[in-house]
N, C-alpha and C. Protein backbone atom coordinates (compact mmCIF):
# COMPACT_ATOMS: atom_id res chain seq x y z
N MET A 1 0.85 -1.20 0.00
CA MET A 1 0.00 0.00 0.00
C MET A 1 0.88 1.24 0.00
N THR A 2 0.69 2.17 -0.90
CA THR A 2 1.44 3.41 -0.96
C THR A 2 0.56 4.52 -0.41
N THR A 3 1.05 5.24 0.57
CA THR A 3 0.27 6.29 1.20
C THR A 3 1.08 7.57 1.24
N ALA A 4 0.35 8.68 1.51
CA ALA A 4 1.04 9.95 1.70
C ALA A 4 1.99 9.88 2.87
N VAL A 5 1.67 9.02 3.85
CA VAL A 5 2.55 8.87 4.99
C VAL A 5 3.91 8.36 4.54
N SER A 6 3.91 7.33 3.69
CA SER A 6 5.16 6.77 3.22
C SER A 6 5.97 7.80 2.45
N ARG A 7 5.31 8.66 1.70
CA ARG A 7 6.01 9.64 0.89
C ARG A 7 6.48 10.83 1.71
N ALA A 8 5.67 11.23 2.70
CA ALA A 8 5.92 12.51 3.35
C ALA A 8 6.60 12.40 4.71
N ALA A 9 6.57 11.23 5.34
CA ALA A 9 7.15 11.10 6.67
C ALA A 9 8.66 11.22 6.61
N ALA A 10 9.26 11.24 7.79
CA ALA A 10 10.71 11.39 7.87
C ALA A 10 11.41 10.33 7.05
N GLY A 11 12.54 10.71 6.44
CA GLY A 11 13.33 9.77 5.68
C GLY A 11 13.91 8.69 6.57
N GLY A 12 14.52 7.66 5.93
CA GLY A 12 14.99 6.51 6.68
C GLY A 12 15.97 6.86 7.78
N ALA A 13 17.01 7.61 7.44
CA ALA A 13 18.00 7.97 8.45
C ALA A 13 17.36 8.77 9.56
N ASP A 14 16.43 9.68 9.20
CA ASP A 14 15.75 10.48 10.21
C ASP A 14 14.89 9.61 11.11
N ALA A 15 14.15 8.66 10.54
CA ALA A 15 13.30 7.80 11.35
C ALA A 15 14.13 7.02 12.35
N ARG A 16 15.29 6.56 11.94
CA ARG A 16 16.15 5.81 12.85
C ARG A 16 16.67 6.70 13.98
N ALA A 17 17.11 7.90 13.63
CA ALA A 17 17.59 8.82 14.66
C ALA A 17 16.47 9.26 15.59
N LEU A 18 15.28 9.47 15.03
CA LEU A 18 14.16 9.92 15.85
C LEU A 18 13.74 8.88 16.86
N VAL A 19 13.79 7.61 16.50
CA VAL A 19 13.38 6.58 17.46
C VAL A 19 14.42 6.45 18.58
N VAL A 20 15.68 6.68 18.26
CA VAL A 20 16.70 6.71 19.32
C VAL A 20 16.38 7.83 20.31
N GLY A 21 16.11 9.02 19.78
CA GLY A 21 15.77 10.15 20.65
C GLY A 21 14.52 9.90 21.47
N ALA A 22 13.53 9.25 20.88
CA ALA A 22 12.29 8.94 21.61
C ALA A 22 12.57 7.99 22.77
N CYS A 23 13.42 7.01 22.55
CA CYS A 23 13.76 6.07 23.62
C CYS A 23 14.55 6.77 24.72
N GLU A 24 15.41 7.71 24.35
CA GLU A 24 16.13 8.49 25.36
C GLU A 24 15.15 9.32 26.19
N ALA A 25 14.17 9.92 25.54
CA ALA A 25 13.15 10.69 26.26
C ALA A 25 12.34 9.80 27.18
N ALA A 26 12.01 8.59 26.72
CA ALA A 26 11.27 7.65 27.55
C ALA A 26 12.07 7.26 28.78
N ALA A 27 13.37 7.03 28.61
CA ALA A 27 14.22 6.68 29.75
C ALA A 27 14.26 7.81 30.76
N GLU A 28 14.32 9.03 30.27
CA GLU A 28 14.30 10.20 31.17
C GLU A 28 13.01 10.23 31.99
N LEU A 29 11.89 10.00 31.33
CA LEU A 29 10.61 10.00 32.04
C LEU A 29 10.53 8.85 33.04
N LEU A 30 10.98 7.67 32.63
CA LEU A 30 10.92 6.51 33.52
C LEU A 30 11.73 6.72 34.79
N ALA A 31 12.77 7.55 34.72
CA ALA A 31 13.61 7.82 35.89
C ALA A 31 13.03 8.89 36.80
N ASP A 32 11.92 9.50 36.42
CA ASP A 32 11.30 10.53 37.26
C ASP A 32 10.84 9.90 38.58
N PRO A 33 11.16 10.50 39.72
CA PRO A 33 10.76 9.92 41.01
C PRO A 33 9.26 9.70 41.15
N GLN A 34 8.46 10.50 40.47
CA GLN A 34 7.02 10.34 40.58
C GLN A 34 6.55 9.03 39.96
N VAL A 35 7.28 8.54 38.95
CA VAL A 35 6.94 7.25 38.36
C VAL A 35 7.13 6.15 39.39
N ALA A 36 8.26 6.16 40.07
CA ALA A 36 8.52 5.15 41.10
C ALA A 36 7.50 5.25 42.24
N ALA A 37 7.16 6.48 42.62
CA ALA A 37 6.23 6.67 43.73
C ALA A 37 4.82 6.18 43.40
N SER A 38 4.50 6.13 42.12
CA SER A 38 3.14 5.74 41.68
C SER A 38 3.11 4.35 41.08
N TRP A 39 4.15 3.57 41.23
CA TRP A 39 4.36 2.33 40.49
C TRP A 39 3.16 1.38 40.55
N ASP A 40 2.57 1.23 41.71
CA ASP A 40 1.47 0.26 41.87
C ASP A 40 0.09 0.90 41.75
N GLU A 41 0.05 2.17 41.39
CA GLU A 41 -1.23 2.86 41.23
C GLU A 41 -1.79 2.63 39.83
N PRO A 42 -3.10 2.80 39.65
CA PRO A 42 -3.66 2.68 38.29
C PRO A 42 -3.07 3.74 37.36
N SER A 43 -2.88 3.36 36.12
CA SER A 43 -2.37 4.29 35.12
C SER A 43 -3.53 4.90 34.33
N ALA A 44 -3.19 5.72 33.36
CA ALA A 44 -4.20 6.31 32.48
C ALA A 44 -4.80 5.28 31.53
N LEU A 45 -4.20 4.10 31.43
CA LEU A 45 -4.72 3.04 30.58
C LEU A 45 -5.49 2.04 31.44
N GLU A 46 -6.71 1.78 31.08
CA GLU A 46 -7.56 0.89 31.85
C GLU A 46 -6.93 -0.49 31.97
N GLY A 47 -6.90 -1.01 33.19
CA GLY A 47 -6.41 -2.36 33.41
C GLY A 47 -4.91 -2.47 33.57
N MET A 48 -4.20 -1.35 33.60
CA MET A 48 -2.74 -1.38 33.76
C MET A 48 -2.33 -0.42 34.87
N THR A 49 -1.44 -0.90 35.73
CA THR A 49 -0.82 -0.01 36.71
C THR A 49 0.23 0.86 36.02
N VAL A 50 0.71 1.85 36.75
CA VAL A 50 1.81 2.66 36.23
C VAL A 50 3.01 1.78 35.90
N GLY A 51 3.30 0.83 36.78
CA GLY A 51 4.42 -0.08 36.52
C GLY A 51 4.23 -0.92 35.28
N ALA A 52 3.02 -1.43 35.09
CA ALA A 52 2.75 -2.24 33.90
C ALA A 52 2.86 -1.40 32.63
N LEU A 53 2.36 -0.17 32.68
CA LEU A 53 2.48 0.73 31.53
C LEU A 53 3.95 1.01 31.23
N ALA A 54 4.74 1.25 32.27
CA ALA A 54 6.17 1.49 32.07
C ALA A 54 6.84 0.27 31.45
N ALA A 55 6.49 -0.91 31.93
CA ALA A 55 7.09 -2.13 31.37
C ALA A 55 6.71 -2.30 29.91
N HIS A 56 5.46 -2.00 29.57
CA HIS A 56 5.03 -2.11 28.18
C HIS A 56 5.77 -1.11 27.30
N LEU A 57 5.98 0.09 27.81
CA LEU A 57 6.73 1.10 27.08
C LEU A 57 8.15 0.62 26.78
N VAL A 58 8.80 0.03 27.76
CA VAL A 58 10.17 -0.45 27.56
C VAL A 58 10.19 -1.61 26.57
N ARG A 59 9.22 -2.50 26.67
CA ARG A 59 9.16 -3.61 25.71
C ARG A 59 8.95 -3.10 24.29
N ALA A 60 8.06 -2.11 24.13
CA ALA A 60 7.82 -1.54 22.80
C ALA A 60 9.09 -0.91 22.25
N ALA A 61 9.83 -0.21 23.11
CA ALA A 61 11.07 0.41 22.67
C ALA A 61 12.10 -0.63 22.24
N GLY A 62 12.17 -1.72 22.98
CA GLY A 62 13.18 -2.74 22.71
C GLY A 62 12.85 -3.70 21.60
N ALA A 63 11.63 -3.62 21.06
CA ALA A 63 11.23 -4.57 20.02
C ALA A 63 12.14 -4.52 18.80
N THR A 64 12.65 -3.33 18.47
CA THR A 64 13.51 -3.21 17.29
C THR A 64 14.75 -4.08 17.45
N ILE A 65 15.35 -4.06 18.64
CA ILE A 65 16.54 -4.88 18.88
C ILE A 65 16.21 -6.35 18.70
N ALA A 66 15.09 -6.77 19.28
CA ALA A 66 14.71 -8.18 19.17
C ALA A 66 14.51 -8.60 17.73
N TYR A 67 13.83 -7.78 16.95
CA TYR A 67 13.54 -8.14 15.56
C TYR A 67 14.75 -8.03 14.66
N LEU A 68 15.70 -7.17 14.99
CA LEU A 68 16.93 -7.10 14.20
C LEU A 68 17.71 -8.41 14.26
N ASP A 69 17.53 -9.15 15.34
CA ASP A 69 18.26 -10.39 15.53
C ASP A 69 17.51 -11.61 14.98
N ARG A 70 16.40 -11.38 14.31
CA ARG A 70 15.60 -12.49 13.76
C ARG A 70 15.54 -12.38 12.24
N PRO A 71 15.21 -13.49 11.57
CA PRO A 71 15.03 -13.42 10.11
C PRO A 71 13.93 -12.44 9.74
N SER A 72 14.09 -11.76 8.62
CA SER A 72 13.10 -10.75 8.22
C SER A 72 11.89 -11.33 7.51
N GLY A 73 11.95 -12.60 7.11
CA GLY A 73 10.80 -13.22 6.46
C GLY A 73 10.66 -12.79 5.02
N ASP A 74 9.63 -13.32 4.38
CA ASP A 74 9.44 -13.03 2.95
C ASP A 74 7.99 -12.70 2.61
N GLY A 75 7.23 -12.24 3.59
CA GLY A 75 5.84 -11.89 3.35
C GLY A 75 5.69 -10.56 2.63
N GLU A 76 4.44 -10.16 2.43
CA GLU A 76 4.16 -8.88 1.79
C GLU A 76 4.76 -7.74 2.61
N LEU A 77 5.38 -6.79 1.93
CA LEU A 77 5.98 -5.65 2.61
C LEU A 77 4.90 -4.62 2.96
N LEU A 78 4.75 -4.35 4.24
CA LEU A 78 3.75 -3.40 4.72
C LEU A 78 4.40 -2.07 5.05
N ASP A 79 3.62 -0.99 5.03
CA ASP A 79 4.12 0.26 5.58
C ASP A 79 3.60 0.41 7.01
N ALA A 80 3.99 1.50 7.68
CA ALA A 80 3.62 1.68 9.08
C ALA A 80 2.11 1.75 9.26
N VAL A 81 1.41 2.37 8.33
CA VAL A 81 -0.05 2.48 8.43
C VAL A 81 -0.70 1.11 8.36
N GLU A 82 -0.34 0.33 7.37
CA GLU A 82 -0.95 -0.99 7.21
C GLU A 82 -0.58 -1.91 8.37
N TYR A 83 0.62 -1.79 8.89
CA TYR A 83 1.04 -2.58 10.06
C TYR A 83 0.07 -2.34 11.21
N PHE A 84 -0.20 -1.09 11.53
CA PHE A 84 -1.10 -0.80 12.63
C PHE A 84 -2.53 -1.19 12.30
N HIS A 85 -2.94 -0.99 11.05
CA HIS A 85 -4.29 -1.38 10.66
C HIS A 85 -4.51 -2.87 10.92
N GLN A 86 -3.52 -3.70 10.61
CA GLN A 86 -3.65 -5.13 10.85
C GLN A 86 -3.50 -5.47 12.33
N ALA A 87 -2.55 -4.81 13.00
CA ALA A 87 -2.28 -5.14 14.40
C ALA A 87 -3.44 -4.79 15.32
N LEU A 88 -4.22 -3.78 14.96
CA LEU A 88 -5.32 -3.36 15.83
C LEU A 88 -6.40 -4.42 15.97
N THR A 89 -6.46 -5.34 15.03
CA THR A 89 -7.46 -6.40 15.12
C THR A 89 -6.88 -7.70 15.68
N ALA A 90 -5.58 -7.70 16.02
CA ALA A 90 -4.95 -8.91 16.54
C ALA A 90 -5.40 -9.15 17.98
N PRO A 91 -5.77 -10.40 18.33
CA PRO A 91 -6.31 -10.69 19.66
C PRO A 91 -5.20 -10.88 20.70
N ILE A 92 -4.38 -9.86 20.92
CA ILE A 92 -3.24 -10.02 21.83
C ILE A 92 -3.26 -9.03 22.98
N HIS A 93 -4.28 -8.19 23.05
CA HIS A 93 -4.21 -7.08 23.99
C HIS A 93 -4.28 -7.53 25.45
N GLU A 94 -5.07 -8.55 25.76
CA GLU A 94 -5.09 -9.05 27.13
C GLU A 94 -3.76 -9.69 27.49
N ARG A 95 -3.16 -10.38 26.52
CA ARG A 95 -1.84 -10.96 26.75
C ARG A 95 -0.81 -9.86 27.03
N ILE A 96 -0.89 -8.76 26.32
CA ILE A 96 0.02 -7.63 26.56
C ILE A 96 -0.11 -7.15 28.00
N LYS A 97 -1.33 -7.03 28.50
CA LYS A 97 -1.53 -6.58 29.87
C LYS A 97 -0.91 -7.56 30.87
N GLN A 98 -1.07 -8.85 30.61
CA GLN A 98 -0.51 -9.86 31.51
C GLN A 98 1.01 -9.81 31.53
N VAL A 99 1.61 -9.75 30.35
CA VAL A 99 3.07 -9.70 30.26
C VAL A 99 3.60 -8.43 30.91
N SER A 100 2.94 -7.32 30.66
CA SER A 100 3.39 -6.05 31.22
C SER A 100 3.32 -6.06 32.75
N ALA A 101 2.25 -6.62 33.30
CA ALA A 101 2.13 -6.71 34.75
C ALA A 101 3.26 -7.55 35.34
N SER A 102 3.58 -8.65 34.67
CA SER A 102 4.67 -9.51 35.13
C SER A 102 6.01 -8.79 35.07
N GLU A 103 6.27 -8.11 33.95
CA GLU A 103 7.57 -7.47 33.77
C GLU A 103 7.74 -6.24 34.65
N SER A 104 6.65 -5.69 35.16
CA SER A 104 6.76 -4.53 36.04
C SER A 104 7.43 -4.88 37.36
N SER A 105 7.48 -6.17 37.69
CA SER A 105 8.11 -6.59 38.95
C SER A 105 9.59 -6.28 38.99
N ALA A 106 10.20 -5.99 37.84
CA ALA A 106 11.62 -5.61 37.82
C ALA A 106 11.84 -4.29 38.54
N GLY A 107 10.83 -3.45 38.61
CA GLY A 107 10.93 -2.20 39.34
C GLY A 107 11.34 -1.02 38.48
N PRO A 108 11.09 0.18 38.98
CA PRO A 108 11.33 1.38 38.17
C PRO A 108 12.79 1.63 37.81
N ALA A 109 13.70 1.41 38.73
CA ALA A 109 15.11 1.68 38.43
C ALA A 109 15.63 0.76 37.34
N GLU A 110 15.28 -0.52 37.44
CA GLU A 110 15.75 -1.49 36.44
C GLU A 110 15.16 -1.18 35.07
N LEU A 111 13.89 -0.84 35.01
CA LEU A 111 13.27 -0.58 33.71
C LEU A 111 13.76 0.73 33.10
N ALA A 112 14.01 1.74 33.92
CA ALA A 112 14.60 2.97 33.39
C ALA A 112 15.98 2.70 32.82
N GLY A 113 16.77 1.89 33.54
CA GLY A 113 18.09 1.52 33.03
C GLY A 113 18.02 0.71 31.76
N LYS A 114 17.05 -0.19 31.70
CA LYS A 114 16.88 -1.00 30.49
C LYS A 114 16.54 -0.12 29.30
N CYS A 115 15.69 0.87 29.51
CA CYS A 115 15.32 1.76 28.41
C CYS A 115 16.54 2.57 27.94
N ARG A 116 17.38 3.01 28.86
CA ARG A 116 18.61 3.70 28.47
C ARG A 116 19.51 2.80 27.64
N ARG A 117 19.61 1.54 28.05
CA ARG A 117 20.45 0.59 27.30
C ARG A 117 19.88 0.33 25.91
N VAL A 118 18.56 0.26 25.80
CA VAL A 118 17.93 0.10 24.49
C VAL A 118 18.29 1.28 23.59
N ALA A 119 18.20 2.49 24.12
CA ALA A 119 18.54 3.67 23.32
C ALA A 119 20.00 3.61 22.86
N GLU A 120 20.88 3.18 23.74
CA GLU A 120 22.30 3.08 23.38
C GLU A 120 22.52 2.02 22.31
N GLN A 121 21.85 0.88 22.44
CA GLN A 121 21.97 -0.18 21.44
C GLN A 121 21.45 0.28 20.08
N LEU A 122 20.31 0.95 20.10
CA LEU A 122 19.75 1.44 18.84
C LEU A 122 20.66 2.47 18.19
N ALA A 123 21.23 3.36 18.99
CA ALA A 123 22.15 4.36 18.45
C ALA A 123 23.36 3.71 17.81
N ASP A 124 23.76 2.57 18.34
CA ASP A 124 24.92 1.85 17.80
C ASP A 124 24.57 1.04 16.56
N ARG A 125 23.40 0.40 16.58
CA ARG A 125 23.08 -0.57 15.53
C ARG A 125 22.36 0.01 14.33
N LEU A 126 21.43 0.93 14.56
CA LEU A 126 20.60 1.38 13.44
C LEU A 126 21.39 2.04 12.31
N PRO A 127 22.37 2.89 12.59
CA PRO A 127 23.10 3.50 11.47
C PRO A 127 23.86 2.50 10.61
N ALA A 128 24.18 1.35 11.18
CA ALA A 128 24.96 0.35 10.45
C ALA A 128 24.11 -0.55 9.57
N GLU A 129 22.80 -0.51 9.75
CA GLU A 129 21.92 -1.37 8.96
C GLU A 129 21.73 -0.79 7.56
N PRO A 130 21.68 -1.64 6.53
CA PRO A 130 21.53 -1.14 5.16
C PRO A 130 20.19 -0.44 4.95
N ALA A 131 20.15 0.43 3.95
CA ALA A 131 18.94 1.21 3.68
C ALA A 131 17.75 0.33 3.34
N ASP A 132 18.01 -0.85 2.76
CA ASP A 132 16.91 -1.72 2.34
C ASP A 132 16.62 -2.82 3.36
N ARG A 133 17.10 -2.70 4.58
CA ARG A 133 16.88 -3.72 5.60
C ARG A 133 15.39 -3.84 5.90
N THR A 134 14.91 -5.08 6.01
CA THR A 134 13.52 -5.32 6.38
C THR A 134 13.47 -6.05 7.71
N ILE A 135 12.31 -6.01 8.34
CA ILE A 135 12.07 -6.58 9.67
C ILE A 135 10.86 -7.49 9.60
N GLY A 136 10.97 -8.68 10.18
CA GLY A 136 9.81 -9.55 10.36
C GLY A 136 9.26 -9.31 11.75
N ALA A 137 8.15 -8.59 11.85
CA ALA A 137 7.65 -8.11 13.14
C ALA A 137 6.51 -8.99 13.64
N LEU A 138 5.58 -8.37 14.36
CA LEU A 138 4.48 -9.08 15.01
C LEU A 138 3.76 -10.00 14.05
N GLU A 139 3.66 -11.28 14.44
CA GLU A 139 2.97 -12.30 13.64
C GLU A 139 3.51 -12.38 12.21
N GLY A 140 4.81 -12.13 12.05
CA GLY A 140 5.45 -12.26 10.75
C GLY A 140 5.23 -11.12 9.79
N ARG A 141 4.60 -10.03 10.24
CA ARG A 141 4.39 -8.90 9.34
C ARG A 141 5.74 -8.27 8.99
N ARG A 142 5.95 -8.02 7.71
CA ARG A 142 7.26 -7.55 7.24
C ARG A 142 7.18 -6.07 6.86
N LEU A 143 8.14 -5.32 7.37
CA LEU A 143 8.24 -3.89 7.08
C LEU A 143 9.69 -3.56 6.77
N SER A 144 9.90 -2.43 6.10
CA SER A 144 11.25 -1.90 6.04
C SER A 144 11.66 -1.50 7.46
N LEU A 145 12.95 -1.53 7.73
CA LEU A 145 13.42 -1.09 9.05
C LEU A 145 12.97 0.34 9.34
N ASP A 146 12.99 1.18 8.33
CA ASP A 146 12.60 2.57 8.53
C ASP A 146 11.13 2.70 8.92
N ASP A 147 10.26 1.93 8.26
CA ASP A 147 8.85 1.97 8.65
C ASP A 147 8.64 1.35 10.02
N PHE A 148 9.42 0.31 10.35
CA PHE A 148 9.28 -0.25 11.70
C PHE A 148 9.70 0.78 12.75
N CYS A 149 10.73 1.56 12.44
CA CYS A 149 11.11 2.64 13.36
C CYS A 149 9.96 3.62 13.55
N ARG A 150 9.21 3.87 12.49
CA ARG A 150 8.04 4.76 12.63
C ARG A 150 6.98 4.14 13.55
N THR A 151 6.80 2.83 13.47
CA THR A 151 5.85 2.20 14.39
C THR A 151 6.33 2.32 15.83
N ARG A 152 7.65 2.26 16.03
CA ARG A 152 8.19 2.39 17.38
C ARG A 152 8.04 3.82 17.89
N LEU A 153 8.19 4.79 17.01
CA LEU A 153 7.95 6.18 17.41
C LEU A 153 6.54 6.33 17.97
N ILE A 154 5.57 5.74 17.29
CA ILE A 154 4.19 5.83 17.76
C ILE A 154 4.04 5.14 19.11
N GLU A 155 4.50 3.91 19.21
CA GLU A 155 4.37 3.16 20.46
C GLU A 155 5.05 3.91 21.61
N VAL A 156 6.27 4.36 21.39
CA VAL A 156 7.02 4.99 22.47
C VAL A 156 6.40 6.33 22.86
N LEU A 157 6.12 7.20 21.89
CA LEU A 157 5.64 8.53 22.24
C LEU A 157 4.21 8.52 22.75
N VAL A 158 3.35 7.67 22.21
CA VAL A 158 1.99 7.58 22.74
C VAL A 158 2.03 7.11 24.19
N HIS A 159 2.88 6.12 24.48
CA HIS A 159 2.95 5.62 25.86
C HIS A 159 3.73 6.57 26.78
N VAL A 160 4.65 7.35 26.24
CA VAL A 160 5.26 8.42 27.03
C VAL A 160 4.18 9.40 27.49
N ASP A 161 3.29 9.75 26.58
CA ASP A 161 2.18 10.64 26.95
C ASP A 161 1.28 9.98 27.99
N ASP A 162 0.97 8.70 27.79
CA ASP A 162 0.15 7.96 28.78
C ASP A 162 0.81 7.99 30.16
N LEU A 163 2.12 7.74 30.18
CA LEU A 163 2.83 7.65 31.46
C LEU A 163 2.91 9.01 32.14
N ALA A 164 3.23 10.04 31.38
CA ALA A 164 3.29 11.39 31.96
C ALA A 164 1.93 11.80 32.52
N ALA A 165 0.86 11.48 31.78
CA ALA A 165 -0.49 11.80 32.27
C ALA A 165 -0.83 11.00 33.52
N SER A 166 -0.35 9.77 33.59
CA SER A 166 -0.65 8.89 34.72
C SER A 166 -0.07 9.42 36.03
N VAL A 167 1.10 10.06 35.95
CA VAL A 167 1.78 10.50 37.17
C VAL A 167 1.86 12.02 37.29
N ALA A 168 1.17 12.72 36.37
CA ALA A 168 1.04 14.18 36.43
C ALA A 168 2.39 14.89 36.44
N VAL A 169 3.25 14.52 35.47
CA VAL A 169 4.52 15.21 35.29
C VAL A 169 4.59 15.75 33.86
N PRO A 170 5.43 16.75 33.61
CA PRO A 170 5.53 17.29 32.25
C PRO A 170 6.10 16.26 31.28
N LEU A 171 5.72 16.40 30.04
CA LEU A 171 6.29 15.55 28.99
C LEU A 171 7.74 15.92 28.74
N PRO A 172 8.60 14.94 28.44
CA PRO A 172 9.96 15.27 28.05
C PRO A 172 9.97 15.95 26.69
N ASP A 173 11.03 16.70 26.44
CA ASP A 173 11.16 17.36 25.14
C ASP A 173 11.50 16.34 24.06
N VAL A 174 10.78 16.40 22.95
CA VAL A 174 11.10 15.58 21.78
C VAL A 174 11.02 16.48 20.55
N PRO A 175 11.76 16.17 19.50
CA PRO A 175 11.75 17.02 18.31
C PRO A 175 10.38 17.03 17.63
N ALA A 176 10.08 18.16 17.00
CA ALA A 176 8.83 18.27 16.24
C ALA A 176 8.77 17.25 15.11
N ASP A 177 9.92 16.87 14.56
CA ASP A 177 9.93 15.85 13.51
C ASP A 177 9.41 14.52 14.04
N ALA A 178 9.68 14.23 15.31
CA ALA A 178 9.20 12.98 15.90
C ALA A 178 7.69 13.00 16.09
N THR A 179 7.18 14.04 16.73
CA THR A 179 5.73 14.11 16.93
C THR A 179 5.01 14.27 15.59
N GLY A 180 5.63 14.98 14.65
CA GLY A 180 5.02 15.13 13.33
C GLY A 180 4.89 13.81 12.60
N THR A 181 5.90 12.95 12.73
CA THR A 181 5.83 11.63 12.11
C THR A 181 4.71 10.81 12.73
N VAL A 182 4.56 10.90 14.05
CA VAL A 182 3.48 10.18 14.73
C VAL A 182 2.12 10.67 14.23
N VAL A 183 1.95 11.97 14.13
CA VAL A 183 0.68 12.52 13.63
C VAL A 183 0.41 12.03 12.21
N ASP A 184 1.43 12.06 11.36
CA ASP A 184 1.26 11.61 9.97
C ASP A 184 0.76 10.17 9.90
N VAL A 185 1.37 9.30 10.69
CA VAL A 185 0.98 7.88 10.63
C VAL A 185 -0.41 7.68 11.24
N LEU A 186 -0.71 8.35 12.35
CA LEU A 186 -2.03 8.21 12.95
C LEU A 186 -3.13 8.69 12.01
N VAL A 187 -2.91 9.81 11.34
CA VAL A 187 -3.89 10.27 10.34
C VAL A 187 -3.96 9.26 9.19
N GLY A 188 -2.83 8.69 8.82
CA GLY A 188 -2.83 7.67 7.77
C GLY A 188 -3.67 6.46 8.15
N ILE A 189 -3.63 6.07 9.42
CA ILE A 189 -4.47 4.95 9.87
C ILE A 189 -5.95 5.31 9.72
N ALA A 190 -6.31 6.53 10.11
CA ALA A 190 -7.70 6.96 9.95
C ALA A 190 -8.10 6.96 8.48
N ARG A 191 -7.22 7.41 7.60
CA ARG A 191 -7.51 7.41 6.17
C ARG A 191 -7.70 5.98 5.67
N ARG A 192 -6.85 5.08 6.13
CA ARG A 192 -6.93 3.68 5.69
C ARG A 192 -8.25 3.05 6.13
N ARG A 193 -8.71 3.39 7.32
CA ARG A 193 -9.91 2.76 7.88
C ARG A 193 -11.20 3.41 7.38
N HIS A 194 -11.19 4.74 7.18
CA HIS A 194 -12.44 5.45 6.94
C HIS A 194 -12.50 6.21 5.63
N GLY A 195 -11.37 6.37 4.95
CA GLY A 195 -11.34 7.12 3.70
C GLY A 195 -11.02 8.59 3.93
N ASP A 196 -10.53 9.24 2.87
CA ASP A 196 -10.07 10.62 3.00
C ASP A 196 -11.19 11.59 3.34
N TRP A 197 -12.36 11.43 2.72
CA TRP A 197 -13.42 12.41 2.96
C TRP A 197 -13.90 12.39 4.40
N ALA A 198 -13.96 11.20 4.99
CA ALA A 198 -14.37 11.13 6.40
C ALA A 198 -13.36 11.84 7.29
N VAL A 199 -12.08 11.70 6.97
CA VAL A 199 -11.04 12.38 7.75
C VAL A 199 -11.12 13.89 7.54
N ILE A 200 -11.30 14.32 6.30
CA ILE A 200 -11.41 15.76 6.02
C ILE A 200 -12.59 16.37 6.77
N ARG A 201 -13.75 15.72 6.69
CA ARG A 201 -14.93 16.25 7.39
C ARG A 201 -14.69 16.33 8.90
N THR A 202 -14.12 15.27 9.44
CA THR A 202 -13.94 15.21 10.89
C THR A 202 -12.93 16.25 11.37
N LEU A 203 -11.93 16.52 10.57
CA LEU A 203 -10.94 17.53 10.93
C LEU A 203 -11.45 18.95 10.70
N ALA A 204 -12.30 19.13 9.69
CA ALA A 204 -12.65 20.49 9.26
C ALA A 204 -14.06 20.94 9.62
N ARG A 205 -14.99 20.01 9.80
CA ARG A 205 -16.39 20.40 9.97
C ARG A 205 -17.02 19.72 11.18
N ARG A 206 -17.21 20.50 12.23
CA ARG A 206 -17.84 19.97 13.44
C ARG A 206 -19.23 19.42 13.13
N GLU A 207 -19.95 20.07 12.21
CA GLU A 207 -21.33 19.67 11.92
C GLU A 207 -21.40 18.30 11.24
N ARG A 208 -20.35 17.94 10.50
CA ARG A 208 -20.39 16.68 9.75
C ARG A 208 -19.28 15.72 10.17
N ALA A 209 -18.71 15.96 11.33
CA ALA A 209 -17.68 15.05 11.83
C ALA A 209 -18.25 13.65 11.97
N GLN A 210 -17.50 12.67 11.53
CA GLN A 210 -17.97 11.28 11.54
C GLN A 210 -17.51 10.60 12.81
N ASP A 211 -18.46 10.01 13.53
CA ASP A 211 -18.12 9.29 14.76
C ASP A 211 -17.16 8.14 14.45
N GLY A 212 -16.20 7.94 15.33
CA GLY A 212 -15.32 6.78 15.22
C GLY A 212 -14.08 6.97 14.38
N VAL A 213 -13.94 8.12 13.72
CA VAL A 213 -12.73 8.33 12.91
C VAL A 213 -11.51 8.49 13.82
N PHE A 214 -11.66 9.28 14.87
CA PHE A 214 -10.61 9.46 15.87
C PHE A 214 -11.20 9.16 17.24
N PRO A 215 -10.41 8.62 18.17
CA PRO A 215 -9.03 8.17 18.03
C PRO A 215 -8.91 6.91 17.20
N VAL A 216 -7.67 6.60 16.80
CA VAL A 216 -7.46 5.46 15.90
C VAL A 216 -6.87 4.25 16.60
N LEU A 217 -6.36 4.40 17.82
CA LEU A 217 -5.75 3.26 18.51
C LEU A 217 -6.64 2.80 19.66
């Protein structure tokens, strides 16, 4: 599928650098004392404690490292929009909550340190990967490494916002290119699911806004 997102989003090198920066920002937030103080409290996400949300954030950040070490597969090549469109219907969300709750037992200091190490590993490995590198991701879905980095930007920054809201602390600084890429892909998901006119109406006309276009996740 070819979308405006694929054409207009950050280039490959930028996407790789942006996801490193996003992971660094996540590590900074995870180290905030208020996160540790609220670890066992409910988070902004239903059914997850602050600790479970933090653990899920770290796992999402580290997925790139895990997939770089696996075969990329030979399935249809998806872009970031189509990846999320397919993943949103996958029956794994309760499993994610269970795994996140279990992994939160490592505690805030360990998970903040793990996120820092992920950022360091990504900074070391991503620039060395070829421009045409592909990734075999969730359930064998295949993406270019650059598009997979865009999916990680979404996962990391959306959950950074969730975590900051959960513990009432300011968001860490991230580049406008990072948040802009997230917005581009999220709008692309809405376009894929509902069509361009529904998105245009919902963004531009309160009187004709279509229910269910946003949010997309």
